[in-house]
Amino acid sequence: MEDKKTNRSQETKPDKLSEKVQANTMERRADELFRNQKLFSIESLALIISAIAIIVSLFANQLAKESNKLSIQANELANEANDIYKEELTLTHRPYLWVENFAYLNEDNLSVNEIGTVVFIVINSPAKIISSEMTYEVINGKEEIEIVRFNPQNGVLYPSEKTQYTSFIGAKERAKLLNYIKNGFEAYRTCYVEYQMLSSDKKFFYKAKWRFNKNNYHWELSEVPEAS
């Protein structure tokens, strides 16, 4: 009888020990699982933060590019507006120069054109003459004869209703020109003037050609004038 009790007692002790070992094992596994989950959570959070940082960086970079494009476009528009303003300012303030026939009133109060004289007209602002050339020539078929070539103007011409800037040929050249006209030659007059503003180096020009009409004793444009 006693031997049986002893055996049962011995059989019970290992079972309790085994349970204790199993409990410790489960506790360790639970602890490891918790640590793994915690580690996974930290790593996941780090990855999420990194991903957000990359997205924010890409967005910021794209935003910077778009902002740079807008800045460049705004700068281009500003430059274009400035160029337009300068052009308009030039057009409204630049000098305009051209040449017209010179005429006077005779004793009968009739307008008479002077064949060897022209008048230079200037408006808006003073024109500084860079170069000028006036040519009178006569043509009869293939025969071309230059009567005179000279510089009609220089210096600065100011816009004024009270001042006339005239240019004329000498008496000898005038008589020679009239003589050729009476003998059947066609007379032509050509003028070229290059000028600029006083406050700018930008150059302008005026070029025109006239043919003398014997019937009305008047110089008439033979070509459309060129100007800038």
C-alpha atoms as a PDB file:
ATOM      1  CA  MET A   1       0.000   0.000   0.000  1.00  0.00           C
ATOM      2  CA  GLU A   2       2.693   2.454   0.905  1.00  0.00           C
ATOM      3  CA  ASP A   3       4.612   1.692  -2.217  1.00  0.00           C
ATOM      4  CA  LYS A   4       1.660   2.650  -4.371  1.00  0.00           C
ATOM      5  CA  LYS A   5       1.238   6.015  -2.623  1.00  0.00           C
ATOM      6  CA  THR A   6       4.871   6.780  -3.092  1.00  0.00           C
ATOM      7  CA  ASN A   7       4.641   6.096  -6.791  1.00  0.00           C
ATOM      8  CA  ARG A   8       1.614   8.285  -7.202  1.00  0.00           C
ATOM      9  CA  SER A   9       3.363  11.116  -5.403  1.00  0.00           C
ATOM     10  CA  GLN A  10       6.372  10.748  -7.673  1.00  0.00           C
ATOM     11  CA  GLU A  11       4.150  10.708 -10.733  1.00  0.00           C
ATOM     12  CA  THR A  12       2.435  14.029  -9.699  1.00  0.00           C
ATOM     13  CA  LYS A  13       5.639  16.068  -9.225  1.00  0.00           C
ATOM     14  CA  PRO A  14       6.881  15.762 -12.830  1.00  0.00           C
ATOM     15  CA  ASP A  15       3.507  16.880 -14.097  1.00  0.00           C
ATOM     16  CA  LYS A  16       3.676  20.101 -12.091  1.00  0.00           C
ATOM     17  CA  LEU A  17       7.214  20.717 -13.255  1.00  0.00           C
ATOM     18  CA  SER A  18       6.209  20.181 -16.837  1.00  0.00           C
ATOM     19  CA  GLU A  19       3.366  22.635 -16.461  1.00  0.00           C
ATOM     20  CA  LYS A  20       5.727  25.192 -15.018  1.00  0.00           C
ATOM     21  CA  VAL A  21       8.168  24.718 -17.892  1.00  0.00           C
ATOM     22  CA  GLN A  22       5.358  25.052 -20.415  1.00  0.00           C
ATOM     23  CA  ALA A  23       4.132  28.212 -18.686  1.00  0.00           C
ATOM     24  CA  ASN A  24       7.611  29.723 -18.810  1.00  0.00           C
ATOM     25  CA  THR A  25       7.928  28.777 -22.481  1.00  0.00           C
ATOM     26  CA  MET A  26       4.607  30.387 -23.355  1.00  0.00           C
ATOM     27  CA  GLU A  27       5.587  33.486 -21.432  1.00  0.00           C
ATOM     28  CA  ARG A  28       8.862  33.720 -23.331  1.00  0.00           C
ATOM     29  CA  ARG A  29       7.065  33.233 -26.627  1.00  0.00           C
ATOM     30  CA  ALA A  30       4.541  35.890 -25.705  1.00  0.00           C
ATOM     31  CA  ASP A  31       7.353  38.219 -24.744  1.00  0.00           C
ATOM     32  CA  GLU A  32       9.205  37.507 -27.967  1.00  0.00           C
ATOM     33  CA  LEU A  33       6.005  37.995 -29.963  1.00  0.00           C
ATOM     34  CA  PHE A  34       5.398  41.308 -28.207  1.00  0.00           C
ATOM     35  CA  ARG A  35       8.965  42.410 -28.880  1.00  0.00           C
ATOM     36  CA  ASN A  36       8.677  41.335 -32.514  1.00  0.00           C
ATOM     37  CA  GLN A  37       5.383  43.157 -32.901  1.00  0.00           C
ATOM     38  CA  LYS A  38       6.884  46.217 -31.268  1.00  0.00           C
ATOM     39  CA  LEU A  39       9.943  46.019 -33.493  1.00  0.00           C
ATOM     40  CA  PHE A  40       7.700  45.522 -36.544  1.00  0.00           C
ATOM     41  CA  SER A  41       5.610  48.509 -35.522  1.00  0.00           C
ATOM     42  CA  ILE A  42       8.716  50.691 -35.119  1.00  0.00           C
ATOM     43  CA  GLU A  43      10.135  49.548 -38.453  1.00  0.00           C
ATOM     44  CA  SER A  44       6.774  50.057 -40.159  1.00  0.00           C
ATOM     45  CA  LEU A  45       6.483  53.535 -38.660  1.00  0.00           C
ATOM     46  CA  ALA A  46       9.995  54.336 -39.843  1.00  0.00           C
ATOM     47  CA  LEU A  47       9.172  53.119 -43.350  1.00  0.00           C
ATOM     48  CA  ILE A  48       5.953  55.147 -43.388  1.00  0.00           C
ATOM     49  CA  ILE A  49       7.790  58.268 -42.221  1.00  0.00           C
ATOM     50  CA  SER A  50      10.464  57.687 -44.872  1.00  0.00           C
ATOM     51  CA  ALA A  51       7.819  57.227 -47.554  1.00  0.00           C
ATOM     52  CA  ILE A  52       6.034  60.407 -46.466  1.00  0.00           C
ATOM     53  CA  ALA A  53       9.350  62.264 -46.445  1.00  0.00           C
ATOM     54  CA  ILE A  54      10.098  61.074 -50.003  1.00  0.00           C
ATOM     55  CA  ILE A  55       6.616  62.088 -51.203  1.00  0.00           C
ATOM     56  CA  VAL A  56       6.930  65.496 -49.537  1.00  0.00           C
ATOM     57  CA  SER A  57      10.387  65.919 -51.056  1.00  0.00           C
ATOM     58  CA  LEU A  58       9.144  65.020 -54.546  1.00  0.00           C
ATOM     59  CA  PHE A  59       6.165  67.342 -54.162  1.00  0.00           C
ATOM     60  CA  ALA A  60       8.395  70.149 -52.928  1.00  0.00           C
ATOM     61  CA  ASN A  61      10.792  69.579 -55.837  1.00  0.00           C
ATOM     62  CA  GLN A  62       7.944  69.622 -58.371  1.00  0.00           C
ATOM     63  CA  LEU A  63       6.503  72.718 -56.713  1.00  0.00           C
ATOM     64  CA  ALA A  64       9.913  74.393 -56.928  1.00  0.00           C
ATOM     65  CA  LYS A  65      10.144  73.510 -60.633  1.00  0.00           C
ATOM     66  CA  GLU A  66       6.666  74.897 -61.318  1.00  0.00           C
ATOM     67  CA  SER A  67       7.469  77.980 -59.288  1.00  0.00           C
ATOM     68  CA  ASN A  68      10.688  78.434 -61.264  1.00  0.00           C
ATOM     69  CA  LYS A  69       8.757  78.086 -64.542  1.00  0.00           C
ATOM     70  CA  LEU A  70       6.224  80.666 -63.391  1.00  0.00           C
ATOM     71  CA  SER A  71       9.057  82.959 -62.343  1.00  0.00           C
ATOM     72  CA  ILE A  72      10.718  82.614 -65.751  1.00  0.00           C
ATOM     73  CA  GLN A  73       7.409  83.227 -67.540  1.00  0.00           C
ATOM     74  CA  ALA A  74       6.716  86.255 -65.365  1.00  0.00           C
ATOM     75  CA  ASN A  75      10.197  87.583 -66.128  1.00  0.00           C
ATOM     76  CA  GLU A  76       9.683  87.034 -69.871  1.00  0.00           C
ATOM     77  CA  LEU A  77       6.323  88.824 -69.733  1.00  0.00           C
ATOM     78  CA  ALA A  78       7.915  91.682 -67.830  1.00  0.00           C
ATOM     79  CA  ASN A  79      10.671  91.959 -70.444  1.00  0.00           C
ATOM     80  CA  GLU A  80       8.123  91.885 -73.273  1.00  0.00           C
ATOM     81  CA  ALA A  81       6.049  94.571 -71.562  1.00  0.00           C
ATOM     82  CA  ASN A  82       9.174  96.651 -71.086  1.00  0.00           C
ATOM     83  CA  ASP A  83      10.123  96.252 -74.757  1.00  0.00           C
ATOM     84  CA  ILE A  84       6.604  97.258 -75.821  1.00  0.00           C
ATOM     85  CA  TYR A  85       6.766 100.285 -73.553  1.00  0.00           C
ATOM     86  CA  LYS A  86      10.127 101.295 -74.974  1.00  0.00           C
ATOM     87  CA  GLU A  87       8.854 100.819 -78.520  1.00  0.00           C
ATOM     88  CA  GLU A  88       5.743 102.900 -77.832  1.00  0.00           C
ATOM     89  CA  LEU A  89       7.870 105.521 -76.124  1.00  0.00           C
ATOM     90  CA  THR A  90      10.179 105.595 -79.116  1.00  0.00           C
ATOM     91  CA  LEU A  91       7.299 105.868 -81.568  1.00  0.00           C
ATOM     92  CA  THR A  92       5.714 108.746 -79.678  1.00  0.00           C
ATOM     93  CA  HIS A  93       8.950 110.597 -78.957  1.00  0.00           C
ATOM     94  CA  ARG A  94      11.230 109.727 -81.855  1.00  0.00           C
ATOM     95  CA  PRO A  95      11.775 112.301 -84.595  1.00  0.00           C
ATOM     96  CA  TYR A  96      10.178 111.900 -88.008  1.00  0.00           C
ATOM     97  CA  LEU A  97      11.871 113.532 -90.961  1.00  0.00           C
ATOM     98  CA  TRP A  98      10.923 113.863 -94.606  1.00  0.00           C
ATOM     99  CA  VAL A  99      11.506 116.124 -97.609  1.00  0.00           C
ATOM    100  CA  GLU A 100       8.976 118.232 -99.497  1.00  0.00           C
ATOM    101  CA  ASN A 101       9.006 120.590-102.459  1.00  0.00           C
ATOM    102  CA  PHE A 102       9.677 124.204-101.645  1.00  0.00           C
ATOM    103  CA  ALA A 103       7.091 126.654-102.907  1.00  0.00           C
ATOM    104  CA  TYR A 104       6.452 130.387-102.548  1.00  0.00           C
ATOM    105  CA  LEU A 105       3.708 132.827-103.439  1.00  0.00           C
ATOM    106  CA  ASN A 106       4.375 135.100-106.418  1.00  0.00           C
ATOM    107  CA  GLU A 107       3.016 138.601-107.046  1.00  0.00           C
ATOM    108  CA  ASP A 108      -0.293 137.137-108.243  1.00  0.00           C
ATOM    109  CA  ASN A 109      -0.616 135.195-104.967  1.00  0.00           C
ATOM    110  CA  LEU A 110      -0.053 131.924-106.780  1.00  0.00           C
ATOM    111  CA  SER A 111       2.059 129.054-105.458  1.00  0.00           C
ATOM    112  CA  VAL A 112       5.273 128.596-107.412  1.00  0.00           C
ATOM    113  CA  ASN A 113       7.545 125.571-106.980  1.00  0.00           C
ATOM    114  CA  GLU A 114      11.246 126.328-106.858  1.00  0.00           C
ATOM    115  CA  ILE A 115      12.924 123.652-108.988  1.00  0.00           C
ATOM    116  CA  GLY A 116      16.242 123.635-107.155  1.00  0.00           C
ATOM    117  CA  THR A 117      15.067 123.907-103.536  1.00  0.00           C
ATOM    118  CA  VAL A 118      13.603 121.456-101.013  1.00  0.00           C
ATOM    119  CA  VAL A 119      12.444 121.832 -97.422  1.00  0.00           C
ATOM    120  CA  PHE A 120      13.149 119.343 -94.601  1.00  0.00           C
ATOM    121  CA  ILE A 121      10.258 118.683 -92.237  1.00  0.00           C
ATOM    122  CA  VAL A 122      10.866 117.421 -88.678  1.00  0.00           C
ATOM    123  CA  ILE A 123       8.198 116.552 -86.108  1.00  0.00           C
ATOM    124  CA  ASN A 124       8.017 115.137 -82.553  1.00  0.00           C
ATOM    125  CA  SER A 125      11.594 115.753 -81.443  1.00  0.00           C
ATOM    126  CA  PRO A 126      14.965 116.998 -82.753  1.00  0.00           C
ATOM    127  CA  ALA A 127      16.694 114.894 -85.397  1.00  0.00           C
ATOM    128  CA  LYS A 128      20.447 114.603 -85.450  1.00  0.00           C
ATOM    129  CA  ILE A 129      21.637 114.167 -89.038  1.00  0.00           C
ATOM    130  CA  ILE A 130      24.155 111.361 -89.444  1.00  0.00           C
ATOM    131  CA  SER A 131      24.468 111.547 -93.218  1.00  0.00           C
ATOM    132  CA  SER A 132      22.570 113.039 -96.141  1.00  0.00           C
ATOM    133  CA  GLU A 133      22.827 113.079 -99.906  1.00  0.00           C
ATOM    134  CA  MET A 134      20.906 114.894-102.616  1.00  0.00           C
ATOM    135  CA  THR A 135      21.310 114.135-106.317  1.00  0.00           C
ATOM    136  CA  TYR A 136      19.919 115.895-109.413  1.00  0.00           C
ATOM    137  CA  GLU A 137      20.279 114.072-112.704  1.00  0.00           C
ATOM    138  CA  VAL A 138      18.790 114.073-116.199  1.00  0.00           C
ATOM    139  CA  ILE A 139      18.057 111.110-118.465  1.00  0.00           C
ATOM    140  CA  ASN A 140      17.425 110.906-122.191  1.00  0.00           C
ATOM    141  CA  GLY A 141      17.112 107.311-123.304  1.00  0.00           C
ATOM    142  CA  LYS A 142      20.326 105.590-122.314  1.00  0.00           C
ATOM    143  CA  GLU A 143      22.112 108.852-121.661  1.00  0.00           C
ATOM    144  CA  GLU A 144      22.307 109.737-117.974  1.00  0.00           C
ATOM    145  CA  ILE A 145      23.948 112.948-116.757  1.00  0.00           C
ATOM    146  CA  GLU A 146      24.473 113.859-113.129  1.00  0.00           C
ATOM    147  CA  ILE A 147      23.959 117.571-112.623  1.00  0.00           C
ATOM    148  CA  VAL A 148      25.012 117.795-108.984  1.00  0.00           C
ATOM    149  CA  ARG A 149      25.476 115.624-105.878  1.00  0.00           C
ATOM    150  CA  PHE A 150      25.883 117.190-102.424  1.00  0.00           C
ATOM    151  CA  ASN A 151      25.081 116.933 -98.716  1.00  0.00           C
ATOM    152  CA  PRO A 152      21.904 118.951 -98.150  1.00  0.00           C
ATOM    153  CA  GLN A 153      21.805 118.891 -94.357  1.00  0.00           C
ATOM    154  CA  ASN A 154      23.925 118.274 -91.281  1.00  0.00           C
ATOM    155  CA  GLY A 155      23.823 119.008 -87.564  1.00  0.00           C
ATOM    156  CA  VAL A 156      20.547 118.957 -85.612  1.00  0.00           C
ATOM    157  CA  LEU A 157      17.141 119.845 -87.030  1.00  0.00           C
ATOM    158  CA  TYR A 158      14.485 120.964 -84.562  1.00  0.00           C
ATOM    159  CA  PRO A 159      10.723 120.677 -85.033  1.00  0.00           C
ATOM    160  CA  SER A 160       9.370 124.200 -85.369  1.00  0.00           C
ATOM    161  CA  GLU A 161       6.608 125.889 -87.320  1.00  0.00           C
ATOM    162  CA  LYS A 162       8.628 129.078 -87.423  1.00  0.00           C
ATOM    163  CA  THR A 163      11.828 127.539 -88.794  1.00  0.00           C
ATOM    164  CA  GLN A 164      12.324 126.080 -92.264  1.00  0.00           C
ATOM    165  CA  TYR A 165      15.287 123.906 -93.106  1.00  0.00           C
ATOM    166  CA  THR A 166      15.836 124.353 -96.807  1.00  0.00           C
ATOM    167  CA  SER A 167      18.452 123.077 -99.199  1.00  0.00           C
ATOM    168  CA  PHE A 168      19.093 124.352-102.711  1.00  0.00           C
ATOM    169  CA  ILE A 169      21.450 123.958-105.621  1.00  0.00           C
ATOM    170  CA  GLY A 170      23.579 126.772-106.956  1.00  0.00           C
ATOM    171  CA  ALA A 171      22.500 129.130-109.738  1.00  0.00           C
ATOM    172  CA  LYS A 172      24.872 127.461-112.230  1.00  0.00           C
ATOM    173  CA  GLU A 173      23.520 123.959-111.541  1.00  0.00           C
ATOM    174  CA  ARG A 174      19.933 125.264-111.633  1.00  0.00           C
ATOM    175  CA  ALA A 175      20.447 126.841-115.058  1.00  0.00           C
ATOM    176  CA  LYS A 176      22.106 123.663-116.340  1.00  0.00           C
ATOM    177  CA  LEU A 177      19.186 121.562-115.088  1.00  0.00           C
ATOM    178  CA  LEU A 178      16.600 123.806-116.763  1.00  0.00           C
ATOM    179  CA  ASN A 179      18.549 123.746-120.003  1.00  0.00           C
ATOM    180  CA  TYR A 180      18.525 119.941-120.136  1.00  0.00           C
ATOM    181  CA  ILE A 181      14.792 119.881-119.364  1.00  0.00           C
ATOM    182  CA  LYS A 182      14.104 122.285-122.248  1.00  0.00           C
ATOM    183  CA  ASN A 183      16.089 119.995-124.540  1.00  0.00           C
ATOM    184  CA  GLY A 184      13.891 116.978-123.864  1.00  0.00           C
ATOM    185  CA  PHE A 185      15.650 115.343-120.905  1.00  0.00           C
ATOM    186  CA  GLU A 186      13.744 113.866-117.978  1.00  0.00           C
ATOM    187  CA  ALA A 187      14.897 115.273-114.634  1.00  0.00           C
ATOM    188  CA  TYR A 188      15.099 113.228-111.425  1.00  0.00           C
ATOM    189  CA  ARG A 189      15.869 114.202-107.864  1.00  0.00           C
ATOM    190  CA  THR A 190      16.928 111.694-105.196  1.00  0.00           C
ATOM    191  CA  CYS A 191      17.384 112.310-101.490  1.00  0.00           C
ATOM    192  CA  TYR A 192      18.638 110.040 -98.708  1.00  0.00           C
ATOM    193  CA  VAL A 193      18.880 111.073 -95.049  1.00  0.00           C
ATOM    194  CA  GLU A 194      20.010 109.015 -92.050  1.00  0.00           C
ATOM    195  CA  TYR A 195      19.306 110.451 -88.620  1.00  0.00           C
ATOM    196  CA  GLN A 196      18.787 109.604 -84.949  1.00  0.00           C
ATOM    197  CA  MET A 197      17.358 110.895 -81.682  1.00  0.00           C
ATOM    198  CA  LEU A 198      19.509 113.080 -79.467  1.00  0.00           C
ATOM    199  CA  SER A 199      19.028 110.687 -76.539  1.00  0.00           C
ATOM    200  CA  SER A 200      19.494 107.425 -78.413  1.00  0.00           C
ATOM    201  CA  ASP A 201      21.846 105.746 -80.872  1.00  0.00           C
ATOM    202  CA  LYS A 202      18.980 104.120 -82.768  1.00  0.00           C
ATOM    203  CA  LYS A 203      19.132 105.177 -86.415  1.00  0.00           C
ATOM    204  CA  PHE A 204      16.316 106.042 -88.814  1.00  0.00           C
ATOM    205  CA  PHE A 205      16.329 106.912 -92.487  1.00  0.00           C
ATOM    206  CA  TYR A 206      14.295 108.550 -95.215  1.00  0.00           C
ATOM    207  CA  LYS A 207      14.738 107.952 -98.946  1.00  0.00           C
ATOM    208  CA  ALA A 208      12.694 109.378-101.817  1.00  0.00           C
ATOM    209  CA  LYS A 209      12.897 109.910-105.570  1.00  0.00           C
ATOM    210  CA  TRP A 210      11.050 112.511-107.640  1.00  0.00           C
ATOM    211  CA  ARG A 211      10.473 113.066-111.348  1.00  0.00           C
ATOM    212  CA  PHE A 212      10.039 116.592-112.694  1.00  0.00           C
ATOM    213  CA  ASN A 213       6.702 117.150-114.437  1.00  0.00           C
ATOM    214  CA  LYS A 214       7.248 119.632-117.251  1.00  0.00           C
ATOM    215  CA  ASN A 215       3.542 120.298-117.679  1.00  0.00           C
ATOM    216  CA  ASN A 216       2.907 121.738-114.218  1.00  0.00           C
ATOM    217  CA  TYR A 217       6.511 122.590-113.361  1.00  0.00           C
ATOM    218  CA  HIS A 218       6.339 120.396-110.309  1.00  0.00           C
ATOM    219  CA  TRP A 219       8.413 117.616-108.739  1.00  0.00           C
ATOM    220  CA  GLU A 220       6.314 114.455-108.286  1.00  0.00           C
ATOM    221  CA  LEU A 221       7.245 111.270-106.445  1.00  0.00           C
ATOM    222  CA  SER A 222       8.284 108.603-108.934  1.00  0.00           C
ATOM    223  CA  GLU A 223       8.564 105.901-106.250  1.00  0.00           C
ATOM    224  CA  VAL A 224       7.020 105.257-102.856  1.00  0.00           C
ATOM    225  CA  PRO A 225       9.346 106.790-100.251  1.00  0.00           C
ATOM    226  CA  GLU A 226      11.229 104.407 -97.977  1.00  0.00           C
ATOM    227  CA  ALA A 227      11.512 105.240 -94.301  1.00  0.00           C
ATOM    228  CA  SER A 228      12.080 103.746 -90.873  1.00  0.00           C
END
